[in-house]
N, C-alpha and C. Protein backbone atom coordinates (compact mmCIF):
# COMPACT_ATOMS: atom_id res chain seq x y z
N UNK A 1 0.80 -1.21 0.00
CA UNK A 1 0.02 -0.01 0.05
C UNK A 1 0.82 1.24 -0.04
N UNK A 2 1.92 1.31 0.90
CA UNK A 2 2.75 2.55 0.94
C UNK A 2 3.49 2.71 -0.34
N UNK A 3 3.90 1.57 -1.04
CA UNK A 3 4.65 1.70 -2.28
C UNK A 3 3.69 2.53 -3.30
N UNK A 4 2.48 2.12 -3.45
CA UNK A 4 1.59 2.75 -4.44
C UNK A 4 1.22 4.18 -4.11
N UNK A 5 1.13 4.46 -2.77
CA UNK A 5 0.91 5.80 -2.39
C UNK A 5 2.07 6.59 -2.76
N UNK A 6 3.36 6.21 -2.41
CA UNK A 6 4.58 7.00 -2.72
C UNK A 6 4.74 7.02 -4.37
N UNK A 7 4.43 5.90 -4.97
CA UNK A 7 4.56 5.91 -6.47
C UNK A 7 3.84 6.99 -7.13
N UNK A 8 2.50 6.99 -6.85
CA UNK A 8 1.52 7.86 -7.53
C UNK A 8 1.76 9.35 -6.99
N UNK A 9 2.12 9.51 -5.74
CA UNK A 9 2.40 10.90 -5.31
C UNK A 9 3.64 11.46 -5.98
N UNK A 10 4.66 10.64 -6.16
CA UNK A 10 5.90 11.05 -6.78
C UNK A 10 5.56 11.36 -8.23
N UNK A 11 4.66 10.56 -8.92
CA UNK A 11 4.38 10.86 -10.37
C UNK A 11 3.58 12.24 -10.48
N UNK A 12 2.87 12.45 -9.46
CA UNK A 12 2.09 13.81 -9.52
C UNK A 12 3.14 14.94 -9.28
N UNK A 13 4.14 14.85 -8.35
CA UNK A 13 5.03 15.80 -8.19
C UNK A 13 5.91 15.93 -9.45
N UNK A 14 6.14 14.90 -10.12
CA UNK A 14 7.15 14.85 -11.27
C UNK A 14 6.38 15.66 -12.32
N UNK A 15 5.13 15.65 -12.47
CA UNK A 15 4.40 16.43 -13.51
C UNK A 15 4.58 17.99 -13.44
N UNK A 16 4.87 18.37 -12.22
CA UNK A 16 5.07 19.83 -12.01
C UNK A 16 6.59 20.19 -11.95
N UNK A 17 7.35 19.48 -11.39
CA UNK A 17 8.75 19.84 -11.14
C UNK A 17 9.77 19.01 -12.04
N UNK A 18 9.58 17.79 -12.44
CA UNK A 18 10.51 17.15 -13.27
C UNK A 18 9.77 16.26 -14.30
N UNK A 19 9.23 16.89 -15.27
CA UNK A 19 8.54 16.09 -16.34
C UNK A 19 9.60 15.15 -17.01
N UNK A 20 9.20 13.95 -17.17
CA UNK A 20 10.15 12.87 -17.65
C UNK A 20 9.95 12.48 -19.17
N UNK A 21 11.00 12.20 -19.80
CA UNK A 21 11.01 11.47 -20.98
C UNK A 21 11.82 10.20 -20.87
N UNK A 22 11.29 9.09 -21.23
CA UNK A 22 11.85 7.77 -21.05
C UNK A 22 12.03 7.12 -22.36
N UNK A 23 13.33 6.76 -22.68
CA UNK A 23 13.60 6.21 -23.96
C UNK A 23 14.26 4.69 -23.67
N UNK A 24 14.02 3.89 -24.72
CA UNK A 24 14.78 2.61 -24.70
C UNK A 24 13.99 1.48 -23.85
N UNK A 25 12.70 1.57 -23.62
CA UNK A 25 12.04 0.70 -22.88
C UNK A 25 12.08 -0.69 -23.48
N UNK A 26 12.34 -0.80 -24.76
CA UNK A 26 12.46 -2.17 -25.38
C UNK A 26 13.62 -3.01 -24.67
N UNK A 27 14.54 -2.37 -24.07
CA UNK A 27 15.64 -3.09 -23.49
C UNK A 27 15.32 -3.68 -22.06
N UNK A 28 14.21 -3.25 -21.50
CA UNK A 28 13.85 -3.52 -20.15
C UNK A 28 13.22 -4.93 -20.04
N UNK A 29 13.93 -5.83 -19.32
CA UNK A 29 13.41 -7.27 -19.26
C UNK A 29 11.93 -7.31 -18.51
N UNK A 30 11.16 -8.07 -19.09
CA UNK A 30 9.70 -8.18 -18.53
C UNK A 30 9.70 -9.28 -17.43
N UNK A 31 10.62 -10.15 -17.31
CA UNK A 31 10.59 -11.15 -16.35
C UNK A 31 12.02 -11.39 -15.80
N UNK A 32 12.11 -11.95 -14.62
CA UNK A 32 13.37 -12.36 -13.99
C UNK A 32 14.17 -11.25 -13.45
N UNK A 33 15.18 -11.69 -12.63
CA UNK A 33 16.14 -10.70 -12.02
C UNK A 33 17.06 -10.11 -13.04
N UNK A 34 17.43 -8.87 -12.76
CA UNK A 34 18.39 -8.17 -13.56
C UNK A 34 19.02 -7.13 -12.80
N UNK A 35 20.10 -6.62 -13.14
CA UNK A 35 20.80 -5.41 -12.50
C UNK A 35 20.50 -4.18 -13.32
N UNK A 36 19.88 -3.16 -12.76
CA UNK A 36 19.70 -1.87 -13.46
C UNK A 36 20.85 -1.00 -12.98
N UNK A 37 21.73 -0.78 -13.91
CA UNK A 37 22.99 -0.05 -13.50
C UNK A 37 22.97 1.29 -14.06
N UNK A 38 23.03 2.37 -13.10
CA UNK A 38 22.75 3.66 -13.46
C UNK A 38 23.93 4.60 -13.03
N UNK A 39 23.99 5.72 -13.86
CA UNK A 39 24.91 6.84 -13.39
C UNK A 39 24.15 7.48 -12.19
N UNK A 40 24.90 8.44 -11.47
CA UNK A 40 24.31 9.04 -10.28
C UNK A 40 24.75 10.48 -10.21
N UNK A 41 23.82 11.49 -10.38
CA UNK A 41 24.16 12.88 -10.46
C UNK A 41 23.38 13.64 -9.44
N UNK A 42 22.46 13.10 -8.82
CA UNK A 42 21.50 13.92 -7.85
C UNK A 42 20.83 12.81 -6.89
N UNK A 43 20.43 13.35 -5.73
CA UNK A 43 19.76 12.57 -4.82
C UNK A 43 18.36 12.10 -5.33
N UNK A 44 18.02 12.89 -6.40
CA UNK A 44 16.62 12.70 -6.93
C UNK A 44 16.64 11.48 -7.87
N UNK A 45 17.77 10.89 -8.29
CA UNK A 45 17.96 9.90 -9.39
C UNK A 45 17.09 8.62 -8.90
N UNK A 46 17.26 8.07 -7.61
CA UNK A 46 16.40 6.89 -7.39
C UNK A 46 14.91 7.22 -7.43
N UNK A 47 14.47 8.35 -7.06
CA UNK A 47 13.03 8.79 -7.31
C UNK A 47 12.55 8.71 -8.70
N UNK A 48 13.37 9.36 -9.52
CA UNK A 48 13.04 9.40 -10.99
C UNK A 48 13.03 7.99 -11.60
N UNK A 49 14.12 7.10 -11.25
CA UNK A 49 14.13 5.77 -11.84
C UNK A 49 13.02 4.98 -11.29
N UNK A 50 12.62 5.18 -10.02
CA UNK A 50 11.52 4.41 -9.40
C UNK A 50 10.19 4.62 -10.11
N UNK A 51 9.95 5.63 -10.77
CA UNK A 51 8.75 5.91 -11.40
C UNK A 51 8.93 5.78 -13.00
N UNK A 52 10.11 5.38 -13.43
CA UNK A 52 10.42 5.19 -14.88
C UNK A 52 10.68 3.82 -15.21
N UNK A 53 10.28 2.93 -14.43
CA UNK A 53 10.46 1.52 -14.69
C UNK A 53 9.15 0.74 -14.86
N UNK A 54 9.12 -0.36 -15.56
CA UNK A 54 7.89 -1.10 -15.83
C UNK A 54 7.69 -2.08 -14.74
N UNK A 55 8.66 -2.35 -13.84
CA UNK A 55 8.56 -3.30 -12.79
C UNK A 55 8.99 -2.72 -11.53
N UNK A 56 8.63 -3.27 -10.47
CA UNK A 56 9.09 -2.71 -9.07
C UNK A 56 10.43 -3.22 -8.86
N UNK A 57 11.32 -2.24 -8.61
CA UNK A 57 12.76 -2.49 -8.42
C UNK A 57 13.25 -2.34 -6.94
N UNK A 58 14.10 -3.16 -6.62
CA UNK A 58 14.81 -3.17 -5.43
C UNK A 58 16.00 -2.19 -5.41
N UNK A 59 16.10 -1.27 -4.31
CA UNK A 59 17.14 -0.24 -4.21
C UNK A 59 18.23 -0.53 -3.13
N UNK A 60 19.34 -0.26 -3.51
CA UNK A 60 20.41 -0.18 -2.46
C UNK A 60 20.45 1.30 -2.14
N UNK A 61 20.37 1.56 -0.72
CA UNK A 61 20.44 2.96 -0.28
C UNK A 61 21.43 3.18 0.89
N UNK A 62 22.06 4.17 0.92
CA UNK A 62 23.15 4.40 1.96
C UNK A 62 22.54 4.13 3.44
N UNK A 63 23.17 3.44 4.24
CA UNK A 63 22.73 3.04 5.52
C UNK A 63 22.18 4.15 6.38
N UNK A 64 22.76 5.30 6.34
CA UNK A 64 22.44 6.56 7.19
C UNK A 64 20.97 6.83 6.93
N UNK A 65 20.42 6.59 5.81
CA UNK A 65 19.08 7.06 5.51
C UNK A 65 18.06 6.18 6.37
N UNK A 66 18.42 4.90 6.66
CA UNK A 66 17.54 4.02 7.39
C UNK A 66 17.48 4.46 8.85
N UNK A 67 18.45 5.22 9.29
CA UNK A 67 18.43 5.65 10.78
C UNK A 67 17.44 6.77 11.07
N UNK A 68 17.07 7.40 9.94
CA UNK A 68 16.08 8.56 10.05
C UNK A 68 14.69 8.07 9.97
N UNK A 69 13.78 8.47 10.82
CA UNK A 69 12.40 8.02 10.78
C UNK A 69 11.47 9.30 10.44
N UNK A 70 10.50 9.13 9.60
CA UNK A 70 9.93 7.84 9.13
C UNK A 70 10.59 7.32 7.82
N UNK A 71 11.62 8.10 7.42
CA UNK A 71 12.29 7.74 5.97
C UNK A 71 12.72 6.27 6.04
N UNK A 72 13.40 5.91 7.12
CA UNK A 72 13.78 4.41 7.05
C UNK A 72 12.78 3.44 7.00
N UNK A 73 11.55 3.68 7.57
CA UNK A 73 10.45 2.83 7.55
C UNK A 73 9.86 2.84 6.12
N UNK A 74 9.79 4.05 5.46
CA UNK A 74 9.27 4.08 4.01
C UNK A 74 10.20 3.39 3.19
N UNK A 75 11.53 3.54 3.26
CA UNK A 75 12.39 2.95 2.41
C UNK A 75 12.34 1.39 2.47
N UNK A 76 12.09 0.81 3.56
CA UNK A 76 11.90 -0.61 3.78
C UNK A 76 10.72 -1.06 2.92
N UNK A 77 9.60 -0.27 2.97
CA UNK A 77 8.37 -0.60 2.37
C UNK A 77 8.46 -0.56 0.89
N UNK A 78 9.47 0.30 0.45
CA UNK A 78 9.76 0.50 -1.03
C UNK A 78 10.80 -0.54 -1.49
N UNK A 79 11.02 -1.62 -0.74
CA UNK A 79 12.03 -2.63 -1.05
C UNK A 79 13.43 -2.21 -1.00
N UNK A 80 13.74 -1.20 -0.39
CA UNK A 80 15.18 -0.76 -0.30
C UNK A 80 15.80 -1.54 0.83
N UNK A 81 17.18 -1.60 0.58
CA UNK A 81 18.01 -2.23 1.77
C UNK A 81 19.33 -1.44 1.87
N UNK A 82 19.89 -1.39 2.99
CA UNK A 82 21.04 -0.46 3.32
C UNK A 82 22.32 -1.05 2.86
N UNK A 83 23.09 -0.10 2.38
CA UNK A 83 24.63 -0.49 1.96
C UNK A 83 25.60 0.56 2.65
N UNK A 84 26.59 0.14 3.27
CA UNK A 84 27.57 1.06 3.91
C UNK A 84 28.51 1.62 2.76
N UNK A 85 28.70 2.81 2.79
CA UNK A 85 29.47 3.57 1.91
C UNK A 85 31.00 3.55 2.17
N UNK A 86 31.88 3.75 1.27
CA UNK A 86 33.25 3.93 1.44
C UNK A 86 33.83 2.56 2.07
N UNK A 87 33.23 1.41 1.81
CA UNK A 87 33.90 0.08 2.22
C UNK A 87 33.13 -1.02 1.46
N UNK A 88 33.74 -2.13 1.42
CA UNK A 88 33.17 -3.29 0.79
C UNK A 88 32.05 -3.82 1.73
N UNK A 89 30.85 -3.64 1.44
CA UNK A 89 29.79 -4.06 2.30
C UNK A 89 29.28 -5.51 1.83
N UNK A 90 29.83 -6.53 2.34
CA UNK A 90 29.49 -7.86 1.78
C UNK A 90 28.13 -8.31 2.17
N UNK A 91 27.57 -7.77 3.31
CA UNK A 91 26.21 -8.04 3.70
C UNK A 91 25.15 -7.41 2.71
N UNK A 92 25.37 -6.25 2.12
CA UNK A 92 24.50 -5.64 1.16
C UNK A 92 24.62 -6.46 -0.16
N UNK A 93 25.90 -6.88 -0.47
CA UNK A 93 26.03 -7.69 -1.67
C UNK A 93 25.37 -8.98 -1.63
N UNK A 94 25.44 -9.54 -0.50
CA UNK A 94 24.83 -10.86 -0.29
C UNK A 94 23.26 -10.67 -0.39
N UNK A 95 22.77 -9.71 0.11
CA UNK A 95 21.33 -9.31 0.15
C UNK A 95 20.83 -9.11 -1.27
N UNK A 96 21.62 -8.39 -2.01
CA UNK A 96 21.43 -8.04 -3.40
C UNK A 96 21.44 -9.44 -4.28
N UNK A 97 22.35 -10.28 -4.03
CA UNK A 97 22.40 -11.45 -4.65
C UNK A 97 21.24 -12.34 -4.39
N UNK A 98 20.76 -12.28 -3.16
CA UNK A 98 19.57 -13.08 -2.83
C UNK A 98 18.47 -12.69 -3.65
N UNK A 99 18.20 -11.39 -3.63
CA UNK A 99 17.10 -10.79 -4.39
C UNK A 99 17.16 -10.96 -5.86
N UNK A 100 18.30 -10.96 -6.45
CA UNK A 100 18.49 -11.28 -7.90
C UNK A 100 18.10 -12.58 -8.21
N UNK A 101 18.62 -13.60 -7.33
CA UNK A 101 18.35 -14.97 -7.59
C UNK A 101 16.82 -15.30 -7.37
N UNK A 102 16.14 -14.44 -6.64
CA UNK A 102 14.79 -14.64 -6.43
C UNK A 102 13.98 -14.15 -7.57
N UNK A 103 14.54 -13.47 -8.56
CA UNK A 103 13.95 -13.00 -9.71
C UNK A 103 13.54 -11.56 -9.65
N UNK A 104 13.97 -10.77 -8.70
CA UNK A 104 13.57 -9.38 -8.56
C UNK A 104 14.74 -8.49 -9.03
N UNK A 105 14.44 -7.39 -9.76
CA UNK A 105 15.52 -6.45 -10.31
C UNK A 105 16.07 -5.65 -9.07
N UNK A 106 17.35 -5.28 -9.22
CA UNK A 106 18.03 -4.56 -8.28
C UNK A 106 18.70 -3.29 -8.94
N UNK A 107 18.39 -2.09 -8.43
CA UNK A 107 19.14 -0.90 -8.97
C UNK A 107 20.44 -0.61 -8.23
N UNK A 108 21.43 -0.40 -9.01
CA UNK A 108 22.64 -0.04 -8.59
C UNK A 108 23.30 1.22 -9.10
N UNK A 109 23.79 2.09 -8.38
CA UNK A 109 24.56 3.23 -8.92
C UNK A 109 26.08 2.79 -8.93
N UNK A 110 26.63 2.65 -10.15
CA UNK A 110 27.78 1.95 -10.46
C UNK A 110 28.98 2.57 -9.76
N UNK A 111 28.91 3.96 -9.61
CA UNK A 111 30.04 4.75 -9.02
C UNK A 111 29.99 4.77 -7.43
N UNK A 112 28.84 4.21 -6.95
CA UNK A 112 28.71 4.25 -5.45
C UNK A 112 28.31 5.53 -4.84
N UNK A 113 28.50 6.62 -5.50
CA UNK A 113 28.15 7.95 -4.95
C UNK A 113 27.96 8.79 -6.13
N UNK A 114 27.42 10.02 -5.91
CA UNK A 114 27.11 10.96 -6.92
C UNK A 114 28.36 11.49 -7.64
N UNK A 115 28.27 11.57 -8.94
CA UNK A 115 29.28 12.30 -9.72
C UNK A 115 28.97 13.72 -9.80
N UNK A 116 29.89 14.56 -9.37
CA UNK A 116 29.64 16.07 -9.44
C UNK A 116 30.34 16.49 -10.66
N UNK A 117 29.53 17.21 -11.51
CA UNK A 117 30.11 17.89 -12.70
C UNK A 117 30.78 16.79 -13.60
N UNK A 118 32.02 17.33 -14.06
CA UNK A 118 32.81 16.45 -15.01
C UNK A 118 33.91 15.69 -14.21
N UNK A 119 33.65 15.52 -12.86
CA UNK A 119 34.62 14.79 -12.15
C UNK A 119 35.00 13.31 -12.75
N UNK A 120 36.13 12.88 -12.68
CA UNK A 120 36.47 11.53 -13.24
C UNK A 120 35.61 10.52 -12.57
N UNK A 121 35.21 9.49 -13.35
CA UNK A 121 34.47 8.44 -12.70
C UNK A 121 35.14 7.21 -12.61
N UNK A 122 34.79 6.39 -11.46
CA UNK A 122 35.53 5.17 -11.26
C UNK A 122 34.31 4.16 -10.67
N UNK A 123 34.15 3.09 -11.52
CA UNK A 123 33.03 2.10 -11.12
C UNK A 123 33.53 1.27 -9.83
N UNK A 124 32.58 0.90 -8.94
CA UNK A 124 32.85 0.18 -7.82
C UNK A 124 32.73 -1.33 -8.18
N UNK A 125 33.75 -2.15 -7.68
CA UNK A 125 33.70 -3.62 -8.18
C UNK A 125 32.46 -4.42 -7.84
N UNK A 126 31.69 -3.87 -6.93
CA UNK A 126 30.57 -4.77 -6.35
C UNK A 126 29.51 -5.15 -7.47
N UNK A 127 29.34 -4.20 -8.49
CA UNK A 127 28.43 -4.43 -9.52
C UNK A 127 28.94 -5.49 -10.51
N UNK A 128 30.34 -5.57 -10.59
CA UNK A 128 30.89 -6.66 -11.33
C UNK A 128 30.77 -8.04 -10.65
N UNK A 129 30.98 -7.99 -9.33
CA UNK A 129 30.80 -9.28 -8.54
C UNK A 129 29.34 -9.81 -8.75
N UNK A 130 28.42 -8.81 -8.52
CA UNK A 130 27.00 -9.34 -8.70
C UNK A 130 26.58 -9.74 -10.05
N UNK A 131 27.14 -9.06 -11.06
CA UNK A 131 26.86 -9.43 -12.45
C UNK A 131 27.28 -10.90 -12.66
N UNK A 132 28.43 -11.30 -12.28
CA UNK A 132 28.97 -12.66 -12.39
C UNK A 132 28.25 -13.61 -11.51
N UNK A 133 28.21 -13.32 -10.25
CA UNK A 133 27.66 -14.37 -9.33
C UNK A 133 26.12 -14.64 -9.52
N UNK A 134 25.39 -13.57 -9.96
CA UNK A 134 23.97 -13.75 -10.14
C UNK A 134 23.61 -14.30 -11.56
N UNK A 135 24.47 -14.00 -12.47
CA UNK A 135 24.27 -14.57 -13.80
C UNK A 135 23.01 -13.94 -14.44
N UNK A 136 22.68 -12.62 -14.08
CA UNK A 136 21.59 -11.95 -14.67
C UNK A 136 22.00 -10.86 -15.65
N UNK A 137 21.06 -10.37 -16.50
CA UNK A 137 21.35 -9.32 -17.40
C UNK A 137 21.68 -8.06 -16.70
N UNK A 138 22.61 -7.22 -17.23
CA UNK A 138 22.85 -5.92 -16.54
C UNK A 138 22.40 -4.87 -17.58
N UNK A 139 21.34 -4.05 -17.32
CA UNK A 139 20.78 -3.11 -18.13
C UNK A 139 21.33 -1.73 -17.78
N UNK A 140 22.12 -1.06 -18.64
CA UNK A 140 22.59 0.25 -18.35
C UNK A 140 21.51 1.27 -18.51
N UNK A 141 21.47 2.33 -17.62
CA UNK A 141 20.55 3.47 -17.75
C UNK A 141 21.16 4.68 -17.44
N UNK A 142 20.92 5.75 -18.23
CA UNK A 142 21.50 7.03 -18.03
C UNK A 142 20.47 8.01 -17.68
N UNK A 143 20.65 8.66 -16.60
CA UNK A 143 19.71 9.84 -16.16
C UNK A 143 20.36 11.04 -16.29
N UNK A 144 19.61 12.03 -16.82
CA UNK A 144 20.13 13.37 -17.08
C UNK A 144 19.07 14.38 -16.65
N UNK A 145 19.46 15.57 -16.26
CA UNK A 145 18.64 16.58 -15.80
C UNK A 145 18.26 16.74 -14.30
N UNK A 146 18.49 15.79 -13.67
CA UNK A 146 18.07 15.62 -12.20
C UNK A 146 19.06 16.55 -11.44
N UNK A 147 20.24 16.78 -11.74
CA UNK A 147 21.15 17.60 -11.20
C UNK A 147 20.78 19.14 -11.17
N UNK A 148 19.88 19.40 -12.14
CA UNK A 148 19.26 20.79 -12.18
C UNK A 148 17.99 21.00 -11.37
N UNK A 149 17.25 19.80 -11.17
CA UNK A 149 16.11 19.89 -10.46
C UNK A 149 16.42 19.86 -8.91
N UNK A 150 17.44 19.17 -8.49
CA UNK A 150 17.82 19.02 -7.15
C UNK A 150 19.41 18.85 -7.13
N UNK A 151 19.99 20.21 -7.14
CA UNK A 151 21.51 20.12 -7.14
C UNK A 151 22.10 19.73 -5.70
N UNK A 152 23.28 19.38 -5.63
CA UNK A 152 23.91 18.88 -4.32
C UNK A 152 23.67 20.10 -3.33
N UNK A 153 23.24 19.73 -2.15
CA UNK A 153 23.00 20.57 -1.05
C UNK A 153 21.64 21.41 -1.07
N UNK A 154 20.91 21.15 -2.15
CA UNK A 154 19.61 21.89 -2.34
C UNK A 154 18.61 21.31 -1.47
N UNK A 155 17.71 22.22 -0.86
CA UNK A 155 16.58 21.71 -0.04
C UNK A 155 15.25 21.74 -0.88
N UNK A 156 15.32 22.42 -1.92
CA UNK A 156 14.14 22.63 -2.74
C UNK A 156 14.35 22.20 -4.24
N UNK A 157 13.20 21.86 -4.92
CA UNK A 157 13.15 21.46 -6.19
C UNK A 157 13.01 22.71 -7.16
N UNK A 158 13.81 22.54 -8.26
CA UNK A 158 13.65 23.62 -9.31
C UNK A 158 13.05 22.94 -10.65
N UNK A 159 12.11 23.51 -11.09
CA UNK A 159 11.60 22.85 -12.32
C UNK A 159 12.56 22.58 -13.46
N UNK A 160 12.65 21.43 -13.96
CA UNK A 160 13.48 21.10 -15.11
C UNK A 160 13.19 19.77 -15.74
N UNK A 161 13.19 19.63 -17.04
CA UNK A 161 12.75 18.24 -17.46
C UNK A 161 13.98 17.24 -17.32
N UNK A 162 13.70 16.02 -17.11
CA UNK A 162 14.62 14.98 -16.96
C UNK A 162 14.48 13.85 -17.93
N UNK A 163 15.58 13.26 -18.28
CA UNK A 163 15.56 12.22 -19.26
C UNK A 163 16.02 10.82 -18.60
N UNK A 164 15.43 9.70 -18.98
CA UNK A 164 15.87 8.37 -18.62
C UNK A 164 16.06 7.63 -19.88
N UNK A 165 17.26 7.12 -20.07
CA UNK A 165 17.59 6.32 -21.26
C UNK A 165 18.21 4.94 -20.96
N UNK A 166 17.35 3.95 -21.39
CA UNK A 166 17.83 2.59 -21.18
C UNK A 166 18.65 2.14 -22.40
N UNK A 167 19.72 1.40 -22.09
CA UNK A 167 20.61 0.79 -23.26
C UNK A 167 20.41 -0.67 -23.25
N UNK A 168 20.93 -1.33 -24.32
CA UNK A 168 20.96 -2.75 -24.42
C UNK A 168 21.74 -3.40 -23.31
N UNK A 169 21.33 -4.66 -22.96
CA UNK A 169 22.00 -5.39 -21.99
C UNK A 169 23.66 -5.39 -22.18
N UNK A 170 24.36 -5.28 -21.11
CA UNK A 170 25.91 -5.23 -21.20
C UNK A 170 26.49 -6.58 -21.40
N UNK A 171 27.27 -6.68 -22.42
CA UNK A 171 28.00 -8.05 -22.69
C UNK A 171 29.48 -7.86 -22.05
N UNK A 172 29.71 -8.79 -21.24
CA UNK A 172 31.08 -8.68 -20.50
C UNK A 172 31.69 -10.08 -20.50
N UNK A 173 32.94 -10.19 -20.25
CA UNK A 173 33.55 -11.49 -20.10
C UNK A 173 33.60 -11.89 -18.60
N UNK A 174 32.91 -13.00 -18.25
CA UNK A 174 32.86 -13.32 -16.79
C UNK A 174 34.28 -13.79 -16.29
N UNK A 175 35.17 -13.92 -17.16
CA UNK A 175 36.63 -14.43 -16.66
C UNK A 175 37.35 -13.12 -16.23
N UNK A 176 36.91 -11.85 -16.65
CA UNK A 176 37.59 -10.62 -16.31
C UNK A 176 37.54 -10.51 -14.75
N UNK A 177 38.32 -9.50 -14.27
CA UNK A 177 38.24 -9.12 -12.93
C UNK A 177 36.89 -8.33 -12.70
N UNK A 178 36.30 -8.23 -11.38
CA UNK A 178 35.26 -7.61 -11.03
C UNK A 178 35.38 -6.07 -11.40
N UNK A 179 36.58 -5.52 -11.25
CA UNK A 179 36.74 -4.20 -11.46
C UNK A 179 36.73 -3.95 -12.92
N UNK A 180 37.14 -4.85 -13.84
CA UNK A 180 37.12 -4.60 -15.29
C UNK A 180 35.72 -4.67 -15.73
N UNK A 181 34.90 -5.63 -15.21
CA UNK A 181 33.53 -5.81 -15.52
C UNK A 181 32.75 -4.60 -15.13
N UNK A 182 32.95 -4.09 -13.92
CA UNK A 182 32.32 -2.82 -13.42
C UNK A 182 32.64 -1.76 -14.29
N UNK A 183 33.85 -1.52 -14.79
CA UNK A 183 34.26 -0.46 -15.65
C UNK A 183 33.63 -0.63 -17.03
N UNK A 184 33.50 -1.76 -17.45
CA UNK A 184 32.74 -2.09 -18.78
C UNK A 184 31.27 -1.56 -18.61
N UNK A 185 30.63 -1.90 -17.55
CA UNK A 185 29.29 -1.56 -17.26
C UNK A 185 29.23 0.09 -17.18
N UNK A 186 30.12 0.70 -16.55
CA UNK A 186 30.12 2.08 -16.51
C UNK A 186 30.20 2.80 -17.87
N UNK A 187 31.14 2.25 -18.60
CA UNK A 187 31.37 2.72 -20.00
C UNK A 187 30.02 2.57 -20.90
N UNK A 188 29.34 1.40 -20.65
CA UNK A 188 28.04 1.18 -21.36
C UNK A 188 27.15 2.26 -21.08
N UNK A 189 27.06 2.72 -19.72
CA UNK A 189 26.19 3.73 -19.29
C UNK A 189 26.60 5.09 -19.96
N UNK A 190 27.86 5.37 -19.93
CA UNK A 190 28.33 6.64 -20.56
C UNK A 190 28.17 6.77 -22.06
N UNK A 191 28.09 5.65 -22.72
CA UNK A 191 27.95 5.61 -24.17
C UNK A 191 26.63 5.65 -24.70
N UNK A 192 25.57 5.67 -23.71
CA UNK A 192 24.18 5.78 -24.15
C UNK A 192 23.97 7.15 -24.72
N UNK A 193 23.49 7.31 -25.92
CA UNK A 193 23.37 8.72 -26.45
C UNK A 193 22.36 9.56 -25.64
N UNK A 194 22.76 10.78 -25.40
CA UNK A 194 21.89 11.72 -24.64
C UNK A 194 21.44 12.82 -25.46
């Protein structure tokens, strides 16, 4: 119930503050688990992606958010689960793997944190690990415009259109290192035409 309330309320807010255009839905799997691998430029990204998918997606969210109430309660109802930043969180990876094997999609921000401006990007190896161990498709998605709606440090929304573009499933060599696979996934996101 909470999921649908948040979903439709967010869609309503989107109409006024961040009207969306979604491209490449033909790449979106209709069944089974998969990793939705995204760039990350604003705290608004998970919200935009959550209303721009055809299926209910599980989210990794930084653990500090779960300590704030009622936000933590709501995040759990939205199928989110915590991940510790700035370290290898094997508990979060194990939980993601369990959900993927159960056939549910999991959204991951490949860089692990927001990319500010044109800062160099580096993929986190966790997405490579999950891609190999779960044996599920990895669908790259590129979000743009959210950094103008909700810039870093902003408390309020500024009206601006946003775009969500899905690309074809990433092909990688499972014999490669997790770091190389993660970097391949990140490059696939960055190559999506915007």
